[in-house]
N, C-alpha and C. Protein backbone atom coordinates (compact mmCIF):
# COMPACT_ATOMS: atom_id res chain seq x y z
N MET A 1 0.85 -1.17 0.00
CA MET A 1 0.00 0.00 0.00
C MET A 1 0.90 1.24 0.00
N THR A 2 0.58 2.22 -0.82
CA THR A 2 1.39 3.42 -0.90
C THR A 2 1.12 4.31 0.29
N LEU A 3 2.06 5.20 0.58
CA LEU A 3 1.90 6.15 1.67
C LEU A 3 0.68 7.03 1.44
N ARG A 4 0.43 7.39 0.18
CA ARG A 4 -0.73 8.23 -0.15
C ARG A 4 -2.03 7.55 0.25
N ARG A 5 -2.20 6.30 -0.12
CA ARG A 5 -3.42 5.57 0.22
C ARG A 5 -3.53 5.37 1.72
N LEU A 6 -2.41 5.10 2.37
CA LEU A 6 -2.41 4.91 3.81
C LEU A 6 -2.83 6.19 4.51
N THR A 7 -2.33 7.33 4.05
CA THR A 7 -2.68 8.62 4.64
C THR A 7 -4.16 8.92 4.45
N ILE A 8 -4.67 8.73 3.27
CA ILE A 8 -6.08 9.00 2.99
C ILE A 8 -6.96 8.08 3.82
N ARG A 9 -6.61 6.81 3.88
CA ARG A 9 -7.41 5.87 4.68
C ARG A 9 -7.35 6.22 6.16
N SER A 10 -6.18 6.63 6.64
CA SER A 10 -6.04 6.99 8.04
C SER A 10 -6.89 8.22 8.37
N LEU A 11 -6.86 9.22 7.50
CA LEU A 11 -7.66 10.42 7.72
C LEU A 11 -9.15 10.11 7.67
N ALA A 12 -9.54 9.28 6.75
CA ALA A 12 -10.96 8.91 6.64
C ALA A 12 -11.40 8.14 7.87
N ALA A 13 -10.56 7.25 8.36
CA ALA A 13 -10.90 6.47 9.56
C ALA A 13 -11.00 7.38 10.77
N LEU A 14 -10.07 8.33 10.88
CA LEU A 14 -10.12 9.29 11.99
C LEU A 14 -11.40 10.10 11.94
N ALA A 15 -11.73 10.60 10.78
CA ALA A 15 -12.94 11.40 10.63
C ALA A 15 -14.18 10.58 10.97
N ALA A 16 -14.21 9.36 10.51
CA ALA A 16 -15.37 8.50 10.78
C ALA A 16 -15.49 8.20 12.27
N SER A 17 -14.35 8.03 12.94
CA SER A 17 -14.39 7.72 14.37
C SER A 17 -14.87 8.91 15.20
N LEU A 18 -14.79 10.11 14.64
CA LEU A 18 -15.23 11.30 15.36
C LEU A 18 -16.72 11.56 15.18
N SER A 19 -17.37 10.83 14.31
CA SER A 19 -18.81 10.97 14.04
C SER A 19 -19.18 12.43 13.82
N ILE A 20 -18.58 13.04 12.85
CA ILE A 20 -18.77 14.46 12.59
C ILE A 20 -20.09 14.75 11.89
N SER A 21 -20.79 15.78 12.36
CA SER A 21 -22.04 16.26 11.76
C SER A 21 -22.05 17.77 11.73
N ILE A 22 -22.70 18.40 10.71
CA ILE A 22 -22.71 19.86 10.62
C ILE A 22 -24.06 20.44 10.28
N PRO A 23 -24.79 21.05 11.22
CA PRO A 23 -26.02 21.77 10.90
C PRO A 23 -25.75 23.26 10.82
N LEU A 24 -26.55 24.00 10.10
CA LEU A 24 -26.40 25.44 10.02
C LEU A 24 -27.16 26.10 11.16
N VAL A 25 -26.62 27.21 11.67
CA VAL A 25 -27.25 27.91 12.79
C VAL A 25 -28.40 28.76 12.28
N GLY A 26 -29.45 28.84 13.06
CA GLY A 26 -30.59 29.67 12.69
C GLY A 26 -31.88 28.92 12.92
N HIS A 27 -32.98 29.50 12.49
CA HIS A 27 -34.27 28.85 12.64
C HIS A 27 -34.43 27.84 11.53
N ALA A 28 -34.70 26.62 11.93
CA ALA A 28 -34.81 25.55 10.93
C ALA A 28 -36.26 25.19 10.69
N GLU A 29 -36.55 24.94 9.45
CA GLU A 29 -37.85 24.40 9.08
C GLU A 29 -37.83 22.92 9.49
N GLU A 30 -38.99 22.32 9.60
CA GLU A 30 -39.04 20.92 9.95
C GLU A 30 -38.27 20.10 8.91
N GLY A 31 -37.37 19.24 9.38
CA GLY A 31 -36.57 18.41 8.49
C GLY A 31 -35.31 19.09 7.98
N GLU A 32 -35.15 20.38 8.24
CA GLU A 32 -33.97 21.12 7.80
C GLU A 32 -32.84 20.94 8.82
N ILE A 33 -31.64 20.81 8.34
CA ILE A 33 -30.49 20.64 9.22
C ILE A 33 -30.04 22.00 9.74
N THR A 34 -29.81 22.07 11.06
CA THR A 34 -29.37 23.30 11.69
C THR A 34 -28.01 23.06 12.33
N GLY A 35 -27.04 23.93 12.04
CA GLY A 35 -25.70 23.80 12.58
C GLY A 35 -25.63 24.21 14.04
N ASP A 36 -24.83 23.48 14.79
CA ASP A 36 -24.63 23.76 16.21
C ASP A 36 -23.14 23.92 16.46
N PRO A 37 -22.69 25.17 16.69
CA PRO A 37 -21.26 25.40 16.89
C PRO A 37 -20.70 24.65 18.09
N GLU A 38 -21.50 24.46 19.13
CA GLU A 38 -21.02 23.72 20.30
C GLU A 38 -20.81 22.25 19.97
N ALA A 39 -21.70 21.68 19.17
CA ALA A 39 -21.55 20.27 18.78
C ALA A 39 -20.29 20.07 17.95
N ALA A 40 -19.86 21.11 17.26
CA ALA A 40 -18.68 21.01 16.39
C ALA A 40 -17.38 20.93 17.18
N ARG A 41 -17.39 21.38 18.43
CA ARG A 41 -16.14 21.41 19.21
C ARG A 41 -15.47 20.04 19.29
N SER A 42 -16.26 18.99 19.28
CA SER A 42 -15.68 17.64 19.34
C SER A 42 -15.29 17.13 17.95
N LYS A 43 -15.51 17.94 16.92
CA LYS A 43 -15.27 17.51 15.54
C LYS A 43 -14.17 18.29 14.83
N ILE A 44 -13.65 19.34 15.46
CA ILE A 44 -12.73 20.23 14.75
C ILE A 44 -11.29 19.74 14.70
N SER A 45 -10.96 18.67 15.42
CA SER A 45 -9.57 18.23 15.47
C SER A 45 -9.01 17.91 14.09
N MET A 46 -9.85 17.44 13.18
CA MET A 46 -9.36 17.11 11.85
C MET A 46 -9.17 18.35 10.98
N CYS A 47 -9.76 19.48 11.39
CA CYS A 47 -9.68 20.72 10.60
C CYS A 47 -8.54 21.62 11.07
N ILE A 48 -8.40 21.70 12.38
CA ILE A 48 -7.50 22.69 12.96
C ILE A 48 -6.03 22.46 12.60
N GLY A 49 -5.67 21.22 12.34
CA GLY A 49 -4.28 20.91 12.02
C GLY A 49 -3.77 21.61 10.77
N CYS A 50 -4.66 21.90 9.84
CA CYS A 50 -4.27 22.60 8.61
C CYS A 50 -4.88 23.99 8.54
N HIS A 51 -6.17 24.10 8.83
CA HIS A 51 -6.87 25.37 8.66
C HIS A 51 -6.69 26.33 9.83
N GLY A 52 -6.03 25.88 10.89
CA GLY A 52 -5.82 26.74 12.04
C GLY A 52 -4.43 27.34 12.11
N ILE A 53 -3.61 27.10 11.11
CA ILE A 53 -2.23 27.57 11.12
C ILE A 53 -2.06 28.62 10.03
N LYS A 54 -1.84 29.85 10.43
CA LYS A 54 -1.70 30.95 9.47
C LYS A 54 -0.53 30.68 8.51
N GLY A 55 -0.81 30.79 7.22
CA GLY A 55 0.23 30.62 6.20
C GLY A 55 0.62 29.17 5.93
N TYR A 56 -0.12 28.21 6.48
CA TYR A 56 0.22 26.80 6.32
C TYR A 56 0.08 26.37 4.85
N LYS A 57 1.02 25.56 4.41
CA LYS A 57 0.97 25.00 3.06
C LYS A 57 1.08 23.49 3.16
N ALA A 58 0.16 22.80 2.52
CA ALA A 58 0.21 21.35 2.46
C ALA A 58 1.14 20.96 1.32
N ASN A 59 1.75 19.81 1.41
CA ASN A 59 2.64 19.40 0.33
C ASN A 59 2.20 18.09 -0.30
N PHE A 60 0.92 17.77 -0.18
CA PHE A 60 0.42 16.55 -0.78
C PHE A 60 -0.89 16.83 -1.47
N PRO A 61 -1.11 16.56 -2.67
CA PRO A 61 -0.19 15.92 -3.60
C PRO A 61 0.81 16.90 -4.21
N SER A 62 0.55 18.19 -4.04
CA SER A 62 1.51 19.21 -4.46
C SER A 62 1.41 20.34 -3.45
N VAL A 63 2.33 21.31 -3.51
CA VAL A 63 2.28 22.41 -2.56
C VAL A 63 1.00 23.20 -2.76
N TYR A 64 0.26 23.39 -1.70
CA TYR A 64 -1.05 24.00 -1.75
C TYR A 64 -1.22 24.91 -0.54
N HIS A 65 -1.57 26.15 -0.76
CA HIS A 65 -1.82 27.08 0.33
C HIS A 65 -3.16 26.74 0.96
N VAL A 66 -3.16 26.40 2.24
CA VAL A 66 -4.39 26.03 2.94
C VAL A 66 -5.09 27.29 3.41
N PRO A 67 -6.32 27.51 3.01
CA PRO A 67 -7.03 28.72 3.40
C PRO A 67 -7.47 28.70 4.86
N MET A 68 -7.48 29.87 5.47
CA MET A 68 -8.04 30.01 6.81
C MET A 68 -9.56 30.02 6.63
N ILE A 69 -10.28 29.31 7.46
CA ILE A 69 -11.74 29.23 7.29
C ILE A 69 -12.49 29.94 8.41
N ALA A 70 -11.79 30.45 9.39
CA ALA A 70 -12.45 31.19 10.48
C ALA A 70 -13.14 32.42 9.90
N GLY A 71 -14.42 32.59 10.24
CA GLY A 71 -15.19 33.74 9.77
C GLY A 71 -15.80 33.57 8.38
N GLN A 72 -15.54 32.45 7.74
CA GLN A 72 -16.09 32.20 6.40
C GLN A 72 -17.61 31.97 6.52
N ASN A 73 -18.33 32.29 5.48
CA ASN A 73 -19.77 32.11 5.43
C ASN A 73 -20.13 30.62 5.60
N ALA A 74 -21.09 30.33 6.50
CA ALA A 74 -21.47 28.95 6.80
C ALA A 74 -21.98 28.21 5.57
N GLU A 75 -22.81 28.86 4.78
CA GLU A 75 -23.36 28.20 3.60
C GLU A 75 -22.26 27.84 2.60
N TYR A 76 -21.28 28.73 2.49
CA TYR A 76 -20.15 28.47 1.60
C TYR A 76 -19.37 27.25 2.08
N LEU A 77 -19.13 27.18 3.40
CA LEU A 77 -18.37 26.05 3.95
C LEU A 77 -19.09 24.73 3.71
N VAL A 78 -20.40 24.70 3.92
CA VAL A 78 -21.17 23.48 3.67
C VAL A 78 -21.09 23.12 2.19
N ALA A 79 -21.27 24.10 1.33
CA ALA A 79 -21.21 23.84 -0.12
C ALA A 79 -19.84 23.28 -0.51
N ALA A 80 -18.77 23.86 0.04
CA ALA A 80 -17.42 23.39 -0.28
C ALA A 80 -17.22 21.95 0.19
N LEU A 81 -17.65 21.64 1.40
CA LEU A 81 -17.52 20.28 1.91
C LEU A 81 -18.29 19.29 1.05
N LYS A 82 -19.48 19.67 0.63
CA LYS A 82 -20.29 18.79 -0.23
C LYS A 82 -19.59 18.59 -1.58
N GLU A 83 -18.95 19.64 -2.09
CA GLU A 83 -18.24 19.52 -3.37
C GLU A 83 -17.02 18.61 -3.24
N TYR A 84 -16.31 18.69 -2.10
CA TYR A 84 -15.19 17.77 -1.89
C TYR A 84 -15.71 16.33 -1.79
N ALA A 85 -16.80 16.13 -1.06
CA ALA A 85 -17.36 14.78 -0.90
C ALA A 85 -17.81 14.19 -2.23
N SER A 86 -18.35 15.03 -3.10
CA SER A 86 -18.84 14.54 -4.39
C SER A 86 -17.73 14.38 -5.43
N GLY A 87 -16.58 14.97 -5.16
CA GLY A 87 -15.48 14.93 -6.13
C GLY A 87 -15.47 16.12 -7.06
N ALA A 88 -16.43 17.06 -6.90
CA ALA A 88 -16.46 18.26 -7.73
C ALA A 88 -15.24 19.14 -7.45
N ARG A 89 -14.77 19.12 -6.21
CA ARG A 89 -13.51 19.77 -5.85
C ARG A 89 -12.52 18.65 -5.61
N THR A 90 -11.29 18.85 -6.05
CA THR A 90 -10.32 17.78 -5.95
C THR A 90 -9.13 18.16 -5.08
N PHE A 91 -9.07 17.59 -3.91
CA PHE A 91 -7.90 17.62 -3.04
C PHE A 91 -8.04 16.37 -2.18
N PRO A 92 -7.14 15.40 -2.33
CA PRO A 92 -7.32 14.08 -1.71
C PRO A 92 -7.62 14.09 -0.21
N THR A 93 -6.92 14.91 0.55
CA THR A 93 -7.16 14.93 1.99
C THR A 93 -8.56 15.44 2.30
N MET A 94 -8.95 16.52 1.66
CA MET A 94 -10.29 17.07 1.90
C MET A 94 -11.36 16.12 1.40
N ARG A 95 -11.11 15.43 0.31
CA ARG A 95 -12.09 14.47 -0.21
C ARG A 95 -12.34 13.37 0.82
N ALA A 96 -11.25 12.84 1.41
CA ALA A 96 -11.37 11.77 2.40
C ALA A 96 -12.13 12.25 3.64
N ILE A 97 -11.80 13.44 4.08
CA ILE A 97 -12.47 13.97 5.27
C ILE A 97 -13.93 14.28 4.98
N ALA A 98 -14.20 15.01 3.92
CA ALA A 98 -15.58 15.40 3.60
C ALA A 98 -16.45 14.19 3.34
N ASP A 99 -15.88 13.17 2.74
CA ASP A 99 -16.63 11.96 2.43
C ASP A 99 -17.10 11.25 3.70
N SER A 100 -16.40 11.48 4.81
CA SER A 100 -16.76 10.82 6.07
C SER A 100 -17.76 11.62 6.89
N LEU A 101 -18.10 12.82 6.45
CA LEU A 101 -18.98 13.70 7.22
C LEU A 101 -20.44 13.53 6.83
N SER A 102 -21.30 13.59 7.84
CA SER A 102 -22.74 13.61 7.56
C SER A 102 -23.11 15.07 7.26
N GLU A 103 -24.32 15.28 6.77
CA GLU A 103 -24.77 16.65 6.54
C GLU A 103 -24.83 17.42 7.86
N GLN A 104 -25.18 16.74 8.94
CA GLN A 104 -25.21 17.38 10.25
C GLN A 104 -23.80 17.81 10.66
N ASP A 105 -22.81 16.94 10.44
CA ASP A 105 -21.42 17.28 10.74
C ASP A 105 -20.99 18.52 9.97
N MET A 106 -21.31 18.55 8.69
CA MET A 106 -20.93 19.68 7.85
C MET A 106 -21.57 20.97 8.36
N ALA A 107 -22.83 20.90 8.73
CA ALA A 107 -23.53 22.09 9.23
C ALA A 107 -22.95 22.54 10.57
N ASP A 108 -22.61 21.60 11.46
CA ASP A 108 -22.02 21.95 12.76
C ASP A 108 -20.66 22.63 12.57
N LEU A 109 -19.82 22.04 11.72
CA LEU A 109 -18.49 22.63 11.48
C LEU A 109 -18.62 24.01 10.84
N ALA A 110 -19.53 24.16 9.90
CA ALA A 110 -19.74 25.46 9.26
C ALA A 110 -20.22 26.49 10.26
N ALA A 111 -21.12 26.10 11.15
CA ALA A 111 -21.62 27.01 12.18
C ALA A 111 -20.48 27.44 13.10
N TYR A 112 -19.65 26.51 13.46
CA TYR A 112 -18.51 26.80 14.35
C TYR A 112 -17.53 27.77 13.69
N TYR A 113 -17.06 27.41 12.50
CA TYR A 113 -16.06 28.25 11.84
C TYR A 113 -16.60 29.60 11.38
N SER A 114 -17.86 29.68 11.02
CA SER A 114 -18.42 30.97 10.59
C SER A 114 -18.53 31.94 11.76
N ASN A 115 -18.55 31.43 12.97
CA ASN A 115 -18.64 32.29 14.15
C ASN A 115 -17.28 32.72 14.69
N LEU A 116 -16.21 32.22 14.14
CA LEU A 116 -14.86 32.61 14.58
C LEU A 116 -14.41 33.85 13.82
N LYS A 117 -13.58 34.60 14.44
CA LYS A 117 -13.02 35.80 13.80
C LYS A 117 -11.56 35.64 13.53
């Protein structure tokens, strides 16, 4: 098994073990997912390692400037995570992580990060 596959599998397993869910904050219609920033606190460990370091650059599969997501619009964050999960956006690490997230996890993480400054 290559290091690349091992890394992706390890990240996906970690994300799955954290049972991440993301709802959006606000008034929800019945059946609508609502993000809870407090619920996200137990889910951010997979994000903070890259997105919490100012100027951080990933080097897999190529050098890539990792964006800071604190203060980003919640709807944008959910949309981006869904695009990584579907393969519409391509970055192996994010694909593995997003693929392991439920819609509730995505909404919770988006609510958390959109409230940071």
